């Protein structure tokens, strides 16, 4: 298992468009990826679950992955979460 703590940089937090970008990124890898925030966990491949976390700008989340591409999946999802501006 690989994990990384990342701060959400988007001014609007993790709303629909960024959540979709995270889900699309997570789907590119052979790994099970989750995002944890405030004791709640969402599948990174589910934009709906990610949005339901209610993550605001400047708050930190933990990205975890297990599987053959775990390292690359965590790096890719973390990069999307850390991007400024909307996709």
PDB file of N, CA and C in Angstrom:
ATOM      1  N   UNK A   1       0.850  -1.181   0.000  1.00  0.00           N
ATOM      2  CA  UNK A   1       0.000   0.000   0.000  1.00  0.00           C
ATOM      3  C   UNK A   1       0.890   1.236   0.000  1.00  0.00           C
ATOM      4  N   UNK A   2       0.465   2.202  -0.785  1.00  0.00           N
ATOM      5  CA  UNK A   2       1.158   3.481  -0.883  1.00  0.00           C
ATOM      6  C   UNK A   2       0.201   4.570  -0.436  1.00  0.00           C
ATOM      7  N   UNK A   3       0.717   5.562   0.267  1.00  0.00           N
ATOM      8  CA  UNK A   3      -0.142   6.679   0.651  1.00  0.00           C
ATOM      9  C   UNK A   3       0.634   7.981   0.652  1.00  0.00           C
ATOM     10  N   UNK A   4      -0.115   9.060   0.485  1.00  0.00           N
ATOM     11  CA  UNK A   4       0.485  10.397   0.488  1.00  0.00           C
ATOM     12  C   UNK A   4      -0.544  11.397   1.011  1.00  0.00           C
ATOM     13  N   UNK A   5      -0.070  12.309   1.822  1.00  0.00           N
ATOM     14  CA  UNK A   5      -0.915  13.402   2.324  1.00  0.00           C
ATOM     15  C   UNK A   5      -0.773  14.566   1.349  1.00  0.00           C
ATOM     16  N   UNK A   6      -1.879  15.183   0.966  1.00  0.00           N
ATOM     17  CA  UNK A   6      -1.844  16.270  -0.010  1.00  0.00           C
ATOM     18  C   UNK A   6      -2.865  17.340   0.379  1.00  0.00           C
ATOM     19  N   UNK A   7      -2.505  18.585   0.118  1.00  0.00           N
ATOM     20  CA  UNK A   7      -3.402  19.704   0.389  1.00  0.00           C
ATOM     21  C   UNK A   7      -4.151  20.065  -0.888  1.00  0.00           C
ATOM     22  N   UNK A   8      -5.460  20.179  -0.777  1.00  0.00           N
ATOM     23  CA  UNK A   8      -6.300  20.544  -1.922  1.00  0.00           C
ATOM     24  C   UNK A   8      -6.110  22.032  -2.189  1.00  0.00           C
ATOM     25  N   UNK A   9      -5.611  22.359  -3.373  1.00  0.00           N
ATOM     26  CA  UNK A   9      -5.234  23.737  -3.684  1.00  0.00           C
ATOM     27  C   UNK A   9      -6.331  24.535  -4.386  1.00  0.00           C
ATOM     28  N   UNK A  10      -7.272  23.865  -5.007  1.00  0.00           N
ATOM     29  CA  UNK A  10      -8.313  24.589  -5.747  1.00  0.00           C
ATOM     30  C   UNK A  10      -9.107  25.486  -4.818  1.00  0.00           C
ATOM     31  N   UNK A  11      -9.366  26.714  -5.265  1.00  0.00           N
ATOM     32  CA  UNK A  11     -10.111  27.686  -4.466  1.00  0.00           C
ATOM     33  C   UNK A  11     -11.483  27.175  -4.057  1.00  0.00           C
ATOM     34  N   UNK A  12     -12.080  26.387  -4.911  1.00  0.00           N
ATOM     35  CA  UNK A  12     -13.431  25.881  -4.658  1.00  0.00           C
ATOM     36  C   UNK A  12     -13.439  24.535  -3.950  1.00  0.00           C
ATOM     37  N   UNK A  13     -12.273  24.004  -3.623  1.00  0.00           N
ATOM     38  CA  UNK A  13     -12.207  22.705  -2.956  1.00  0.00           C
ATOM     39  C   UNK A  13     -12.458  21.564  -3.924  1.00  0.00           C
ATOM     40  N   UNK A  14     -12.946  20.468  -3.383  1.00  0.00           N
ATOM     41  CA  UNK A  14     -13.155  19.261  -4.193  1.00  0.00           C
ATOM     42  C   UNK A  14     -14.632  19.164  -4.576  1.00  0.00           C
ATOM     43  N   UNK A  15     -15.040  19.976  -5.547  1.00  0.00           N
ATOM     44  CA  UNK A  15     -16.425  19.951  -6.015  1.00  0.00           C
ATOM     45  C   UNK A  15     -16.507  19.102  -7.285  1.00  0.00           C
ATOM     46  N   UNK A  16     -17.568  19.215  -8.035  1.00  0.00           N
ATOM     47  CA  UNK A  16     -17.862  18.296  -9.140  1.00  0.00           C
ATOM     48  C   UNK A  16     -16.762  18.169 -10.195  1.00  0.00           C
ATOM     49  N   UNK A  17     -16.296  19.265 -10.756  1.00  0.00           N
ATOM     50  CA  UNK A  17     -15.293  19.160 -11.833  1.00  0.00           C
ATOM     51  C   UNK A  17     -13.968  18.589 -11.343  1.00  0.00           C
ATOM     52  N   UNK A  18     -13.404  19.093 -10.235  1.00  0.00           N
ATOM     53  CA  UNK A  18     -12.165  18.487  -9.761  1.00  0.00           C
ATOM     54  C   UNK A  18     -12.354  17.023  -9.353  1.00  0.00           C
ATOM     55  N   UNK A  19     -13.505  16.692  -8.782  1.00  0.00           N
ATOM     56  CA  UNK A  19     -13.770  15.303  -8.395  1.00  0.00           C
ATOM     57  C   UNK A  19     -13.793  14.409  -9.631  1.00  0.00           C
ATOM     58  N   UNK A  20     -14.386  14.904 -10.714  1.00  0.00           N
ATOM     59  CA  UNK A  20     -14.395  14.140 -11.958  1.00  0.00           C
ATOM     60  C   UNK A  20     -12.968  13.951 -12.488  1.00  0.00           C
ATOM     61  N   UNK A  21     -12.142  14.990 -12.394  1.00  0.00           N
ATOM     62  CA  UNK A  21     -10.754  14.889 -12.851  1.00  0.00           C
ATOM     63  C   UNK A  21      -9.984  13.863 -12.021  1.00  0.00           C
ATOM     64  N   UNK A  22     -10.227  13.835 -10.714  1.00  0.00           N
ATOM     65  CA  UNK A  22      -9.586  12.836  -9.846  1.00  0.00           C
ATOM     66  C   UNK A  22     -10.051  11.442 -10.252  1.00  0.00           C
ATOM     67  N   UNK A  23     -11.356  11.264 -10.441  1.00  0.00           N
ATOM     68  CA  UNK A  23     -11.906   9.956 -10.805  1.00  0.00           C
ATOM     69  C   UNK A  23     -11.333   9.466 -12.134  1.00  0.00           C
ATOM     70  N   UNK A  24     -11.224  10.358 -13.104  1.00  0.00           N
ATOM     71  CA  UNK A  24     -10.654   9.983 -14.397  1.00  0.00           C
ATOM     72  C   UNK A  24      -9.192   9.591 -14.257  1.00  0.00           C
ATOM     73  N   UNK A  25      -8.458  10.311 -13.433  1.00  0.00           N
ATOM     74  CA  UNK A  25      -7.051   9.996 -13.208  1.00  0.00           C
ATOM     75  C   UNK A  25      -6.903   8.635 -12.531  1.00  0.00           C
ATOM     76  N   UNK A  26      -7.708   8.387 -11.512  1.00  0.00           N
ATOM     77  CA  UNK A  26      -7.632   7.121 -10.770  1.00  0.00           C
ATOM     78  C   UNK A  26      -7.957   5.930 -11.662  1.00  0.00           C
ATOM     79  N   UNK A  27      -8.853   6.114 -12.615  1.00  0.00           N
ATOM     80  CA  UNK A  27      -9.280   5.022 -13.491  1.00  0.00           C
ATOM     81  C   UNK A  27      -8.188   4.578 -14.460  1.00  0.00           C
ATOM     82  N   UNK A  28      -7.149   5.376 -14.615  1.00  0.00           N
ATOM     83  CA  UNK A  28      -6.070   5.055 -15.549  1.00  0.00           C
ATOM     84  C   UNK A  28      -5.101   4.000 -15.032  1.00  0.00           C
ATOM     85  N   UNK A  29      -5.261   3.558 -13.792  1.00  0.00           N
ATOM     86  CA  UNK A  29      -4.264   2.689 -13.171  1.00  0.00           C
ATOM     87  C   UNK A  29      -4.861   1.381 -12.673  1.00  0.00           C
ATOM     88  N   UNK A  30      -4.006   0.359 -12.621  1.00  0.00           N
ATOM     89  CA  UNK A  30      -4.391  -0.932 -12.056  1.00  0.00           C
ATOM     90  C   UNK A  30      -4.142  -0.872 -10.555  1.00  0.00           C
ATOM     91  N   UNK A  31      -5.031  -0.159  -9.869  1.00  0.00           N
ATOM     92  CA  UNK A  31      -4.898   0.026  -8.421  1.00  0.00           C
ATOM     93  C   UNK A  31      -6.248   0.431  -7.854  1.00  0.00           C
ATOM     94  N   UNK A  32      -6.455   0.087  -6.607  1.00  0.00           N
ATOM     95  CA  UNK A  32      -7.638   0.533  -5.875  1.00  0.00           C
ATOM     96  C   UNK A  32      -7.216   1.775  -5.099  1.00  0.00           C
ATOM     97  N   UNK A  33      -7.804   2.925  -5.434  1.00  0.00           N
ATOM     98  CA  UNK A  33      -7.368   4.201  -4.867  1.00  0.00           C
ATOM     99  C   UNK A  33      -8.493   4.796  -4.026  1.00  0.00           C
ATOM    100  N   UNK A  34      -8.141   5.283  -2.839  1.00  0.00           N
ATOM    101  CA  UNK A  34      -9.115   5.949  -1.976  1.00  0.00           C
ATOM    102  C   UNK A  34      -8.575   7.305  -1.536  1.00  0.00           C
ATOM    103  N   UNK A  35      -9.510   8.168  -1.143  1.00  0.00           N
ATOM    104  CA  UNK A  35      -9.175   9.476  -0.586  1.00  0.00           C
ATOM    105  C   UNK A  35      -9.865   9.557   0.765  1.00  0.00           C
ATOM    106  N   UNK A  36      -9.089   9.877   1.800  1.00  0.00           N
ATOM    107  CA  UNK A  36      -9.643   9.978   3.147  1.00  0.00           C
ATOM    108  C   UNK A  36      -9.599  11.428   3.615  1.00  0.00           C
ATOM    109  N   UNK A  37     -10.706  11.855   4.227  1.00  0.00           N
ATOM    110  CA  UNK A  37     -10.805  13.210   4.763  1.00  0.00           C
ATOM    111  C   UNK A  37     -11.693  13.193   5.996  1.00  0.00           C
ATOM    112  N   UNK A  38     -11.192  13.724   7.071  1.00  0.00           N
ATOM    113  CA  UNK A  38     -11.974  13.878   8.294  1.00  0.00           C
ATOM    114  C   UNK A  38     -12.655  12.576   8.719  1.00  0.00           C
ATOM    115  N   UNK A  39     -11.912  11.474   8.643  1.00  0.00           N
ATOM    116  CA  UNK A  39     -12.420  10.178   9.081  1.00  0.00           C
ATOM    117  C   UNK A  39     -13.311   9.457   8.088  1.00  0.00           C
ATOM    118  N   UNK A  40     -13.587  10.062   6.948  1.00  0.00           N
ATOM    119  CA  UNK A  40     -14.423   9.450   5.908  1.00  0.00           C
ATOM    120  C   UNK A  40     -13.546   9.055   4.726  1.00  0.00           C
ATOM    121  N   UNK A  41     -13.894   7.945   4.082  1.00  0.00           N
ATOM    122  CA  UNK A  41     -13.125   7.461   2.940  1.00  0.00           C
ATOM    123  C   UNK A  41     -14.022   7.350   1.715  1.00  0.00           C
ATOM    124  N   UNK A  42     -13.485   7.790   0.576  1.00  0.00           N
ATOM    125  CA  UNK A  42     -14.205   7.709  -0.698  1.00  0.00           C
ATOM    126  C   UNK A  42     -13.333   6.985  -1.710  1.00  0.00           C
ATOM    127  N   UNK A  43     -13.970   6.237  -2.594  1.00  0.00           N
ATOM    128  CA  UNK A  43     -13.238   5.638  -3.711  1.00  0.00           C
ATOM    129  C   UNK A  43     -12.863   6.766  -4.671  1.00  0.00           C
ATOM    130  N   UNK A  44     -11.603   6.829  -5.044  1.00  0.00           N
ATOM    131  CA  UNK A  44     -11.145   7.900  -5.931  1.00  0.00           C
ATOM    132  C   UNK A  44     -11.780   7.806  -7.308  1.00  0.00           C
ATOM    133  N   UNK A  45     -12.255   6.635  -7.693  1.00  0.00           N
ATOM    134  CA  UNK A  45     -12.888   6.460  -8.995  1.00  0.00           C
ATOM    135  C   UNK A  45     -14.341   6.939  -9.010  1.00  0.00           C
ATOM    136  N   UNK A  46     -14.856   7.387  -7.866  1.00  0.00           N
ATOM    137  CA  UNK A  46     -16.243   7.845  -7.777  1.00  0.00           C
ATOM    138  C   UNK A  46     -16.300   9.346  -7.503  1.00  0.00           C
ATOM    139  N   UNK A  47     -16.629  10.119  -8.528  1.00  0.00           N
ATOM    140  CA  UNK A  47     -16.736  11.570  -8.360  1.00  0.00           C
ATOM    141  C   UNK A  47     -17.802  11.916  -7.323  1.00  0.00           C
ATOM    142  N   UNK A  48     -18.872  11.149  -7.282  1.00  0.00           N
ATOM    143  CA  UNK A  48     -19.946  11.403  -6.321  1.00  0.00           C
ATOM    144  C   UNK A  48     -19.455  11.225  -4.884  1.00  0.00           C
ATOM    145  N   UNK A  49     -18.736  10.133  -4.630  1.00  0.00           N
ATOM    146  CA  UNK A  49     -18.198   9.899  -3.289  1.00  0.00           C
ATOM    147  C   UNK A  49     -17.189  10.976  -2.907  1.00  0.00           C
ATOM    148  N   UNK A  50     -16.357  11.380  -3.850  1.00  0.00           N
ATOM    149  CA  UNK A  50     -15.360  12.419  -3.571  1.00  0.00           C
ATOM    150  C   UNK A  50     -16.028  13.741  -3.221  1.00  0.00           C
ATOM    151  N   UNK A  51     -17.034  14.112  -3.984  1.00  0.00           N
ATOM    152  CA  UNK A  51     -17.754  15.358  -3.722  1.00  0.00           C
ATOM    153  C   UNK A  51     -18.410  15.324  -2.348  1.00  0.00           C
ATOM    154  N   UNK A  52     -18.940  14.164  -1.972  1.00  0.00           N
ATOM    155  CA  UNK A  52     -19.630  14.018  -0.687  1.00  0.00           C
ATOM    156  C   UNK A  52     -18.701  14.217   0.510  1.00  0.00           C
ATOM    157  N   UNK A  53     -17.390  14.111   0.302  1.00  0.00           N
ATOM    158  CA  UNK A  53     -16.450  14.329   1.408  1.00  0.00           C
ATOM    159  C   UNK A  53     -16.485  15.777   1.896  1.00  0.00           C
ATOM    160  N   UNK A  54     -16.825  16.711   1.018  1.00  0.00           N
ATOM    161  CA  UNK A  54     -16.921  18.120   1.414  1.00  0.00           C
ATOM    162  C   UNK A  54     -15.586  18.784   1.706  1.00  0.00           C
ATOM    163  N   UNK A  55     -14.553  18.401   0.973  1.00  0.00           N
ATOM    164  CA  UNK A  55     -13.216  18.957   1.190  1.00  0.00           C
ATOM    165  C   UNK A  55     -13.155  20.389   0.659  1.00  0.00           C
ATOM    166  N   UNK A  56     -12.684  21.296   1.500  1.00  0.00           N
ATOM    167  CA  UNK A  56     -12.542  22.702   1.110  1.00  0.00           C
ATOM    168  C   UNK A  56     -11.086  23.011   0.749  1.00  0.00           C
ATOM    169  N   UNK A  57     -10.899  24.114   0.078  1.00  0.00           N
ATOM    170  CA  UNK A  57      -9.568  24.565  -0.310  1.00  0.00           C
ATOM    171  C   UNK A  57      -8.671  24.711   0.915  1.00  0.00           C
ATOM    172  N   UNK A  58      -7.437  24.266   0.782  1.00  0.00           N
ATOM    173  CA  UNK A  58      -6.463  24.393   1.857  1.00  0.00           C
ATOM    174  C   UNK A  58      -6.489  23.257   2.858  1.00  0.00           C
ATOM    175  N   UNK A  59      -7.448  22.356   2.723  1.00  0.00           N
ATOM    176  CA  UNK A  59      -7.522  21.226   3.650  1.00  0.00           C
ATOM    177  C   UNK A  59      -6.752  20.040   3.081  1.00  0.00           C
ATOM    178  N   UNK A  60      -6.271  19.189   3.975  1.00  0.00           N
ATOM    179  CA  UNK A  60      -5.461  18.048   3.565  1.00  0.00           C
ATOM    180  C   UNK A  60      -6.268  16.763   3.548  1.00  0.00           C
ATOM    181  N   UNK A  61      -5.936  15.911   2.595  1.00  0.00           N
ATOM    182  CA  UNK A  61      -6.534  14.588   2.473  1.00  0.00           C
ATOM    183  C   UNK A  61      -5.405  13.566   2.381  1.00  0.00           C
ATOM    184  N   UNK A  62      -5.738  12.313   2.610  1.00  0.00           N
ATOM    185  CA  UNK A  62      -4.777  11.234   2.435  1.00  0.00           C
ATOM    186  C   UNK A  62      -5.218  10.387   1.255  1.00  0.00           C
ATOM    187  N   UNK A  63      -4.316  10.215   0.297  1.00  0.00           N
ATOM    188  CA  UNK A  63      -4.573   9.376  -0.871  1.00  0.00           C
ATOM    189  C   UNK A  63      -3.868   8.050  -0.631  1.00  0.00           C
ATOM    190  N   UNK A  64      -4.615   6.946  -0.772  1.00  0.00           N
ATOM    191  CA  UNK A  64      -4.051   5.609  -0.576  1.00  0.00           C
ATOM    192  C   UNK A  64      -4.355   4.750  -1.794  1.00  0.00           C
ATOM    193  N   UNK A  65      -3.425   3.844  -2.103  1.00  0.00           N
ATOM    194  CA  UNK A  65      -3.663   2.925  -3.217  1.00  0.00           C
ATOM    195  C   UNK A  65      -2.986   1.593  -2.948  1.00  0.00           C
ATOM    196  N   UNK A  66      -3.620   0.549  -3.459  1.00  0.00           N
ATOM    197  CA  UNK A  66      -3.055  -0.795  -3.416  1.00  0.00           C
ATOM    198  C   UNK A  66      -3.216  -1.387  -4.811  1.00  0.00           C
ATOM    199  N   UNK A  67      -2.220  -2.126  -5.244  1.00  0.00           N
ATOM    200  CA  UNK A  67      -2.276  -2.740  -6.567  1.00  0.00           C
ATOM    201  C   UNK A  67      -0.973  -2.533  -7.311  1.00  0.00           C
ATOM    202  N   UNK A  68      -0.918  -3.085  -8.512  1.00  0.00           N
ATOM    203  CA  UNK A  68       0.309  -3.037  -9.305  1.00  0.00           C
ATOM    204  C   UNK A  68       0.791  -1.619  -9.598  1.00  0.00           C
ATOM    205  N   UNK A  69      -0.133  -0.700  -9.803  1.00  0.00           N
ATOM    206  CA  UNK A  69       0.226   0.682 -10.138  1.00  0.00           C
ATOM    207  C   UNK A  69       0.048   1.644  -8.968  1.00  0.00           C
ATOM    208  N   UNK A  70       0.097   1.142  -7.745  1.00  0.00           N
ATOM    209  CA  UNK A  70      -0.217   1.966  -6.566  1.00  0.00           C
ATOM    210  C   UNK A  70       0.623   3.239  -6.493  1.00  0.00           C
ATOM    211  N   UNK A  71       1.921   3.128  -6.678  1.00  0.00           N
ATOM    212  CA  UNK A  71       2.785   4.309  -6.571  1.00  0.00           C
ATOM    213  C   UNK A  71       2.411   5.369  -7.606  1.00  0.00           C
ATOM    214  N   UNK A  72       2.237   4.943  -8.843  1.00  0.00           N
ATOM    215  CA  UNK A  72       1.897   5.891  -9.911  1.00  0.00           C
ATOM    216  C   UNK A  72       0.496   6.460  -9.726  1.00  0.00           C
ATOM    217  N   UNK A  73      -0.423   5.634  -9.246  1.00  0.00           N
ATOM    218  CA  UNK A  73      -1.797   6.100  -9.029  1.00  0.00           C
ATOM    219  C   UNK A  73      -1.844   7.170  -7.949  1.00  0.00           C
ATOM    220  N   UNK A  74      -1.148   6.942  -6.843  1.00  0.00           N
ATOM    221  CA  UNK A  74      -1.125   7.935  -5.763  1.00  0.00           C
ATOM    222  C   UNK A  74      -0.500   9.232  -6.261  1.00  0.00           C
ATOM    223  N   UNK A  75       0.590   9.129  -6.993  1.00  0.00           N
ATOM    224  CA  UNK A  75       1.249  10.335  -7.512  1.00  0.00           C
ATOM    225  C   UNK A  75       0.323  11.109  -8.447  1.00  0.00           C
ATOM    226  N   UNK A  76      -0.379  10.413  -9.323  1.00  0.00           N
ATOM    227  CA  UNK A  76      -1.258  11.078 -10.287  1.00  0.00           C
ATOM    228  C   UNK A  76      -2.457  11.734  -9.605  1.00  0.00           C
ATOM    229  N   UNK A  77      -3.098  11.019  -8.695  1.00  0.00           N
ATOM    230  CA  UNK A  77      -4.262  11.570  -7.996  1.00  0.00           C
ATOM    231  C   UNK A  77      -3.837  12.744  -7.117  1.00  0.00           C
ATOM    232  N   UNK A  78      -2.709  12.607  -6.432  1.00  0.00           N
ATOM    233  CA  UNK A  78      -2.212  13.701  -5.590  1.00  0.00           C
ATOM    234  C   UNK A  78      -1.925  14.940  -6.432  1.00  0.00           C
ATOM    235  N   UNK A  79      -1.377  14.745  -7.621  1.00  0.00           N
ATOM    236  CA  UNK A  79      -1.079  15.880  -8.503  1.00  0.00           C
ATOM    237  C   UNK A  79      -2.361  16.607  -8.913  1.00  0.00           C
ATOM    238  N   UNK A  80      -3.414  15.866  -9.214  1.00  0.00           N
ATOM    239  CA  UNK A  80      -4.688  16.496  -9.585  1.00  0.00           C
ATOM    240  C   UNK A  80      -5.248  17.278  -8.403  1.00  0.00           C
ATOM    241  N   UNK A  81      -5.189  16.694  -7.216  1.00  0.00           N
ATOM    242  CA  UNK A  81      -5.711  17.368  -6.026  1.00  0.00           C
ATOM    243  C   UNK A  81      -4.932  18.637  -5.693  1.00  0.00           C
ATOM    244  N   UNK A  82      -3.639  18.641  -5.976  1.00  0.00           N
ATOM    245  CA  UNK A  82      -2.787  19.780  -5.632  1.00  0.00           C
ATOM    246  C   UNK A  82      -2.814  20.891  -6.684  1.00  0.00           C
ATOM    247  N   UNK A  83      -3.438  20.636  -7.839  1.00  0.00           N
ATOM    248  CA  UNK A  83      -3.504  21.649  -8.900  1.00  0.00           C
ATOM    249  C   UNK A  83      -4.356  22.830  -8.465  1.00  0.00           C
ATOM    250  N   UNK A  84      -3.947  24.006  -8.888  1.00  0.00           N
ATOM    251  CA  UNK A  84      -4.759  25.204  -8.656  1.00  0.00           C
ATOM    252  C   UNK A  84      -5.650  25.422  -9.864  1.00  0.00           C
ATOM    253  N   UNK A  85      -6.793  26.019  -9.666  1.00  0.00           N
ATOM    254  CA  UNK A  85      -7.720  26.273 -10.765  1.00  0.00           C
ATOM    255  C   UNK A  85      -8.551  25.049 -11.082  1.00  0.00           C
ATOM    256  N   UNK A  86      -9.632  25.254 -11.820  1.00  0.00           N
ATOM    257  CA  UNK A  86     -10.509  24.149 -12.187  1.00  0.00           C
ATOM    258  C   UNK A  86     -10.048  23.511 -13.479  1.00  0.00           C
ATOM    259  N   UNK A  87     -10.258  22.190 -13.569  1.00  0.00           N
ATOM    260  CA  UNK A  87      -9.862  21.485 -14.799  1.00  0.00           C
ATOM    261  C   UNK A  87     -10.727  21.882 -15.979  1.00  0.00           C
TER     262      UNK A  87
END
